[in-house]
Amino acid sequence: PDAVVGRSVGSAEEAVEAVREGADYLGVG
């Protein structure tokens, strides 16, 4: 539970979905 899990996203829609999925941070580009 203490691990940091990030997600790559390439659009605003993917960013919203990644946060909804539980991403702790995003790489945008």
PDB file of all heavy atoms in Angstrom:
ATOM      1  N   PRO A   1       0.799  -1.240   0.000  1.00  0.00           N
ATOM      2  CA  PRO A   1       0.000   0.000   0.000  1.00  0.00           C
ATOM      3  C   PRO A   1       0.823   1.277   0.000  1.00  0.00           C
ATOM      4  O   PRO A   1       0.308   2.342  -0.368  1.00  0.00           O
ATOM      5  CB  PRO A   1      -0.820  -0.121   1.288  1.00  0.00           C
ATOM      6  CG  PRO A   1      -0.019  -1.038   2.170  1.00  0.00           C
ATOM      7  CD  PRO A   1       0.621  -2.015   1.241  1.00  0.00           C
ATOM      8  N   ASP A   2       2.083   1.202   0.430  1.00  0.00           N
ATOM      9  CA  ASP A   2       2.913   2.409   0.481  1.00  0.00           C
ATOM     10  C   ASP A   2       3.666   2.667  -0.818  1.00  0.00           C
ATOM     11  O   ASP A   2       4.357   3.681  -0.943  1.00  0.00           O
ATOM     12  CB  ASP A   2       3.919   2.311   1.628  1.00  0.00           C
ATOM     13  CG  ASP A   2       3.253   2.342   2.991  1.00  0.00           C
ATOM     14  OD1 ASP A   2       2.185   2.966   3.112  1.00  0.00           O
ATOM     15  OD2 ASP A   2       3.803   1.726   3.931  1.00  0.00           O
ATOM     16  N   ALA A   3       3.557   1.757  -1.776  1.00  0.00           N
ATOM     17  CA  ALA A   3       4.286   1.905  -3.036  1.00  0.00           C
ATOM     18  C   ALA A   3       3.715   3.039  -3.870  1.00  0.00           C
ATOM     19  O   ALA A   3       2.524   3.341  -3.828  1.00  0.00           O
ATOM     20  CB  ALA A   3       4.240   0.605  -3.835  1.00  0.00           C
ATOM     21  N   VAL A   4       4.598   3.654  -4.651  1.00  0.00           N
ATOM     22  CA  VAL A   4       4.216   4.685  -5.610  1.00  0.00           C
ATOM     23  C   VAL A   4       3.978   4.012  -6.958  1.00  0.00           C
ATOM     24  O   VAL A   4       4.843   3.296  -7.454  1.00  0.00           O
ATOM     25  CB  VAL A   4       5.332   5.740  -5.728  1.00  0.00           C
ATOM     26  CG1 VAL A   4       5.075   6.671  -6.895  1.00  0.00           C
ATOM     27  CG2 VAL A   4       5.467   6.520  -4.428  1.00  0.00           C
ATOM     28  N   VAL A   5       2.810   4.249  -7.540  1.00  0.00           N
ATOM     29  CA  VAL A   5       2.467   3.657  -8.833  1.00  0.00           C
ATOM     30  C   VAL A   5       2.083   4.776  -9.791  1.00  0.00           C
ATOM     31  O   VAL A   5       1.122   5.507  -9.545  1.00  0.00           O
ATOM     32  CB  VAL A   5       1.320   2.642  -8.707  1.00  0.00           C
ATOM     33  CG1 VAL A   5       1.037   2.004 -10.075  1.00  0.00           C
ATOM     34  CG2 VAL A   5       1.660   1.556  -7.690  1.00  0.00           C
ATOM     35  N   GLY A   6       2.841   4.918 -10.871  1.00  0.00           N
ATOM     36  CA  GLY A   6       2.580   5.966 -11.850  1.00  0.00           C
ATOM     37  C   GLY A   6       2.060   5.412 -13.156  1.00  0.00           C
ATOM     38  O   GLY A   6       2.167   4.213 -13.434  1.00  0.00           O
ATOM     39  N   ARG A   7       1.498   6.310 -13.962  1.00  0.00           N
ATOM     40  CA  ARG A   7       0.927   5.911 -15.249  1.00  0.00           C
ATOM     41  C   ARG A   7       1.278   6.950 -16.311  1.00  0.00           C
ATOM     42  O   ARG A   7       1.229   8.153 -16.060  1.00  0.00           O
ATOM     43  CB  ARG A   7      -0.589   5.792 -15.133  1.00  0.00           C
ATOM     44  CG  ARG A   7      -1.306   5.475 -16.428  1.00  0.00           C
ATOM     45  CD  ARG A   7      -1.085   4.025 -16.836  1.00  0.00           C
ATOM     46  NE  ARG A   7      -2.136   3.147 -16.330  1.00  0.00           N
ATOM     47  CZ  ARG A   7      -2.091   1.827 -16.433  1.00  0.00           C
ATOM     48  NH1 ARG A   7      -1.064   1.234 -17.007  1.00  0.00           N
ATOM     49  NH2 ARG A   7      -3.074   1.068 -15.954  1.00  0.00           N
ATOM     50  N   SER A   8       1.627   6.472 -17.508  1.00  0.00           N
ATOM     51  CA  SER A   8       1.826   7.347 -18.662  1.00  0.00           C
ATOM     52  C   SER A   8       0.482   7.668 -19.295  1.00  0.00           C
ATOM     53  O   SER A   8      -0.346   6.770 -19.481  1.00  0.00           O
ATOM     54  CB  SER A   8       2.715   6.665 -19.704  1.00  0.00           C
ATOM     55  OG  SER A   8       4.011   6.436 -19.202  1.00  0.00           O
ATOM     56  N   VAL A   9       0.279   8.929 -19.645  1.00  0.00           N
ATOM     57  CA  VAL A   9      -0.951   9.341 -20.323  1.00  0.00           C
ATOM     58  C   VAL A   9      -0.605  10.281 -21.468  1.00  0.00           C
ATOM     59  O   VAL A   9       0.389  10.993 -21.429  1.00  0.00           O
ATOM     60  CB  VAL A   9      -1.938  10.026 -19.350  1.00  0.00           C
ATOM     61  CG1 VAL A   9      -2.323   9.084 -18.219  1.00  0.00           C
ATOM     62  CG2 VAL A   9      -1.372  11.321 -18.797  1.00  0.00           C
ATOM     63  N   GLY A  10      -1.463  10.270 -22.486  1.00  0.00           N
ATOM     64  CA  GLY A  10      -1.227  11.105 -23.648  1.00  0.00           C
ATOM     65  C   GLY A  10      -2.370  12.036 -23.971  1.00  0.00           C
ATOM     66  O   GLY A  10      -2.386  12.651 -25.036  1.00  0.00           O
ATOM     67  N   SER A  11      -3.326  12.159 -23.063  1.00  0.00           N
ATOM     68  CA  SER A  11      -4.462  13.051 -23.276  1.00  0.00           C
ATOM     69  C   SER A  11      -5.082  13.392 -21.934  1.00  0.00           C
ATOM     70  O   SER A  11      -4.842  12.718 -20.923  1.00  0.00           O
ATOM     71  CB  SER A  11      -5.524  12.392 -24.169  1.00  0.00           C
ATOM     72  OG  SER A  11      -6.138  11.306 -23.488  1.00  0.00           O
ATOM     73  N   ALA A  12      -5.913  14.434 -21.928  1.00  0.00           N
ATOM     74  CA  ALA A  12      -6.622  14.793 -20.699  1.00  0.00           C
ATOM     75  C   ALA A  12      -7.553  13.671 -20.276  1.00  0.00           C
ATOM     76  O   ALA A  12      -7.703  13.385 -19.080  1.00  0.00           O
ATOM     77  CB  ALA A  12      -7.394  16.091 -20.921  1.00  0.00           C
ATOM     78  N   GLU A  13      -8.168  13.004 -21.243  1.00  0.00           N
ATOM     79  CA  GLU A  13      -9.084  11.912 -20.920  1.00  0.00           C
ATOM     80  C   GLU A  13      -8.342  10.758 -20.245  1.00  0.00           C
ATOM     81  O   GLU A  13      -8.821  10.179 -19.256  1.00  0.00           O
ATOM     82  CB  GLU A  13      -9.785  11.419 -22.193  1.00  0.00           C
ATOM     83  CG  GLU A  13     -10.747  12.411 -22.814  1.00  0.00           C
ATOM     84  CD  GLU A  13     -10.056  13.527 -23.580  1.00  0.00           C
ATOM     85  OE1 GLU A  13      -8.842  13.403 -23.871  1.00  0.00           O
ATOM     86  OE2 GLU A  13     -10.730  14.538 -23.883  1.00  0.00           O
ATOM     87  N   GLU A  14      -7.164  10.419 -20.767  1.00  0.00           N
ATOM     88  CA  GLU A  14      -6.377   9.364 -20.145  1.00  0.00           C
ATOM     89  C   GLU A  14      -5.908   9.766 -18.750  1.00  0.00           C
ATOM     90  O   GLU A  14      -5.814   8.928 -17.848  1.00  0.00           O
ATOM     91  CB  GLU A  14      -5.177   9.013 -21.024  1.00  0.00           C
ATOM     92  CG  GLU A  14      -5.545   8.251 -22.286  1.00  0.00           C
ATOM     93  CD  GLU A  14      -4.352   7.876 -23.126  1.00  0.00           C
ATOM     94  OE1 GLU A  14      -3.220   8.299 -22.804  1.00  0.00           O
ATOM     95  OE2 GLU A  14      -4.538   7.143 -24.121  1.00  0.00           O
ATOM     96  N   ALA A  15      -5.628  11.042 -18.566  1.00  0.00           N
ATOM     97  CA  ALA A  15      -5.211  11.516 -17.244  1.00  0.00           C
ATOM     98  C   ALA A  15      -6.324  11.322 -16.222  1.00  0.00           C
ATOM     99  O   ALA A  15      -6.096  10.836 -15.111  1.00  0.00           O
ATOM    100  CB  ALA A  15      -4.799  12.983 -17.328  1.00  0.00           C
ATOM    101  N   VAL A  16      -7.532  11.704 -16.584  1.00  0.00           N
ATOM    102  CA  VAL A  16      -8.670  11.546 -15.679  1.00  0.00           C
ATOM    103  C   VAL A  16      -8.885  10.075 -15.349  1.00  0.00           C
ATOM    104  O   VAL A  16      -9.111   9.698 -14.191  1.00  0.00           O
ATOM    105  CB  VAL A  16      -9.935  12.162 -16.303  1.00  0.00           C
ATOM    106  CG1 VAL A  16     -11.178  11.797 -15.497  1.00  0.00           C
ATOM    107  CG2 VAL A  16      -9.795  13.674 -16.398  1.00  0.00           C
ATOM    108  N   GLU A  17      -8.799   9.226 -16.359  1.00  0.00           N
ATOM    109  CA  GLU A  17      -9.009   7.797 -16.147  1.00  0.00           C
ATOM    110  C   GLU A  17      -7.918   7.209 -15.250  1.00  0.00           C
ATOM    111  O   GLU A  17      -8.202   6.370 -14.381  1.00  0.00           O
ATOM    112  CB  GLU A  17      -9.036   7.066 -17.484  1.00  0.00           C
ATOM    113  CG  GLU A  17      -9.202   5.546 -17.380  1.00  0.00           C
ATOM    114  CD  GLU A  17     -10.449   5.132 -16.621  1.00  0.00           C
ATOM    115  OE1 GLU A  17     -11.462   5.876 -16.661  1.00  0.00           O
ATOM    116  OE2 GLU A  17     -10.427   4.067 -15.969  1.00  0.00           O
ATOM    117  N   ALA A  18      -6.673   7.623 -15.449  1.00  0.00           N
ATOM    118  CA  ALA A  18      -5.586   7.095 -14.638  1.00  0.00           C
ATOM    119  C   ALA A  18      -5.750   7.473 -13.171  1.00  0.00           C
ATOM    120  O   ALA A  18      -5.511   6.650 -12.276  1.00  0.00           O
ATOM    121  CB  ALA A  18      -4.245   7.607 -15.164  1.00  0.00           C
ATOM    122  N   VAL A  19      -6.165   8.697 -12.913  1.00  0.00           N
ATOM    123  CA  VAL A  19      -6.396   9.109 -11.527  1.00  0.00           C
ATOM    124  C   VAL A  19      -7.559   8.321 -10.933  1.00  0.00           C
ATOM    125  O   VAL A  19      -7.511   7.875  -9.780  1.00  0.00           O
ATOM    126  CB  VAL A  19      -6.642  10.629 -11.456  1.00  0.00           C
ATOM    127  CG1 VAL A  19      -7.052  11.033 -10.040  1.00  0.00           C
ATOM    128  CG2 VAL A  19      -5.397  11.391 -11.882  1.00  0.00           C
ATOM    129  N   ARG A  20      -8.588   8.126 -11.726  1.00  0.00           N
ATOM    130  CA  ARG A  20      -9.732   7.338 -11.267  1.00  0.00           C
ATOM    131  C   ARG A  20      -9.311   5.905 -10.943  1.00  0.00           C
ATOM    132  O   ARG A  20      -9.814   5.284 -10.004  1.00  0.00           O
ATOM    133  CB  ARG A  20     -10.831   7.341 -12.327  1.00  0.00           C
ATOM    134  CG  ARG A  20     -12.123   6.627 -11.902  1.00  0.00           C
ATOM    135  CD  ARG A  20     -13.160   6.647 -13.000  1.00  0.00           C
ATOM    136  NE  ARG A  20     -13.559   8.009 -13.325  1.00  0.00           N
ATOM    137  CZ  ARG A  20     -13.431   8.582 -14.514  1.00  0.00           C
ATOM    138  NH1 ARG A  20     -12.911   7.889 -15.519  1.00  0.00           N
ATOM    139  NH2 ARG A  20     -13.818   9.814 -14.728  1.00  0.00           N
ATOM    140  N   GLU A  21      -8.355   5.398 -11.718  1.00  0.00           N
ATOM    141  CA  GLU A  21      -7.864   4.039 -11.527  1.00  0.00           C
ATOM    142  C   GLU A  21      -6.954   3.920 -10.305  1.00  0.00           C
ATOM    143  O   GLU A  21      -6.690   2.813  -9.831  1.00  0.00           O
ATOM    144  CB  GLU A  21      -7.097   3.600 -12.784  1.00  0.00           C
ATOM    145  CG  GLU A  21      -6.751   2.129 -12.844  1.00  0.00           C
ATOM    146  CD  GLU A  21      -5.908   1.777 -14.068  1.00  0.00           C
ATOM    147  OE1 GLU A  21      -5.691   2.646 -14.933  1.00  0.00           O
ATOM    148  OE2 GLU A  21      -5.452   0.629 -14.143  1.00  0.00           O
ATOM    149  N   GLY A  22      -6.477   5.058  -9.813  1.00  0.00           N
ATOM    150  CA  GLY A  22      -5.662   5.030  -8.608  1.00  0.00           C
ATOM    151  C   GLY A  22      -4.207   5.397  -8.783  1.00  0.00           C
ATOM    152  O   GLY A  22      -3.396   5.140  -7.887  1.00  0.00           O
ATOM    153  N   ALA A  23      -3.837   6.016  -9.904  1.00  0.00           N
ATOM    154  CA  ALA A  23      -2.449   6.418 -10.122  1.00  0.00           C
ATOM    155  C   ALA A  23      -2.028   7.446  -9.082  1.00  0.00           C
ATOM    156  O   ALA A  23      -2.780   8.365  -8.745  1.00  0.00           O
ATOM    157  CB  ALA A  23      -2.276   7.000 -11.523  1.00  0.00           C
ATOM    158  N   ASP A  24      -0.805   7.308  -8.602  1.00  0.00           N
ATOM    159  CA  ASP A  24      -0.263   8.258  -7.642  1.00  0.00           C
ATOM    160  C   ASP A  24       0.377   9.456  -8.329  1.00  0.00           C
ATOM    161  O   ASP A  24       0.514  10.524  -7.719  1.00  0.00           O
ATOM    162  CB  ASP A  24       0.791   7.581  -6.758  1.00  0.00           C
ATOM    163  CG  ASP A  24       0.189   6.480  -5.897  1.00  0.00           C
ATOM    164  OD1 ASP A  24      -0.831   6.740  -5.241  1.00  0.00           O
ATOM    165  OD2 ASP A  24       0.742   5.363  -5.897  1.00  0.00           O
ATOM    166  N   TYR A  25       0.803   9.280  -9.573  1.00  0.00           N
ATOM    167  CA  TYR A  25       1.345  10.382 -10.357  1.00  0.00           C
ATOM    168  C   TYR A  25       1.227  10.011 -11.830  1.00  0.00           C
ATOM    169  O   TYR A  25       1.006   8.838 -12.179  1.00  0.00           O
ATOM    170  CB  TYR A  25       2.798  10.691  -9.989  1.00  0.00           C
ATOM    171  CG  TYR A  25       3.800   9.701 -10.515  1.00  0.00           C
ATOM    172  CD1 TYR A  25       4.431   9.894 -11.740  1.00  0.00           C
ATOM    173  CD2 TYR A  25       4.125   8.558  -9.783  1.00  0.00           C
ATOM    174  CE1 TYR A  25       5.342   8.976 -12.226  1.00  0.00           C
ATOM    175  CE2 TYR A  25       5.037   7.640 -10.258  1.00  0.00           C
ATOM    176  CZ  TYR A  25       5.642   7.851 -11.483  1.00  0.00           C
ATOM    177  OH  TYR A  25       6.541   6.930 -11.972  1.00  0.00           O
ATOM    178  N   LEU A  26       1.398  11.007 -12.693  1.00  0.00           N
ATOM    179  CA  LEU A  26       1.267  10.802 -14.134  1.00  0.00           C
ATOM    180  C   LEU A  26       2.500  11.326 -14.862  1.00  0.00           C
ATOM    181  O   LEU A  26       3.084  12.340 -14.471  1.00  0.00           O
ATOM    182  CB  LEU A  26       0.040  11.547 -14.680  1.00  0.00           C
ATOM    183  CG  LEU A  26      -1.306  11.281 -14.009  1.00  0.00           C
ATOM    184  CD1 LEU A  26      -2.374  12.156 -14.646  1.00  0.00           C
ATOM    185  CD2 LEU A  26      -1.679   9.815 -14.088  1.00  0.00           C
ATOM    186  N   GLY A  27       2.864  10.640 -15.936  1.00  0.00           N
ATOM    187  CA  GLY A  27       3.791  11.179 -16.918  1.00  0.00           C
ATOM    188  C   GLY A  27       2.968  11.588 -18.126  1.00  0.00           C
ATOM    189  O   GLY A  27       2.271  10.756 -18.716  1.00  0.00           O
ATOM    190  N   VAL A  28       2.990  12.868 -18.486  1.00  0.00           N
ATOM    191  CA  VAL A  28       2.110  13.423 -19.518  1.00  0.00           C
ATOM    192  C   VAL A  28       2.922  13.755 -20.764  1.00  0.00           C
ATOM    193  O   VAL A  28       3.837  14.584 -20.732  1.00  0.00           O
ATOM    194  CB  VAL A  28       1.388  14.687 -19.000  1.00  0.00           C
ATOM    195  CG1 VAL A  28       0.521  15.288 -20.101  1.00  0.00           C
ATOM    196  CG2 VAL A  28       0.550  14.355 -17.766  1.00  0.00           C
ATOM    197  N   GLY A  29       2.585  13.138 -21.881  1.00  0.00           N
ATOM    198  CA  GLY A  29       3.299  13.419 -23.113  1.00  0.00           C
ATOM    199  C   GLY A  29       3.186  12.229 -24.063  1.00  0.00           C
ATOM    200  O   GLY A  29       2.424  11.298 -23.802  1.00  0.00           O
TER     201      GLY A  29
END
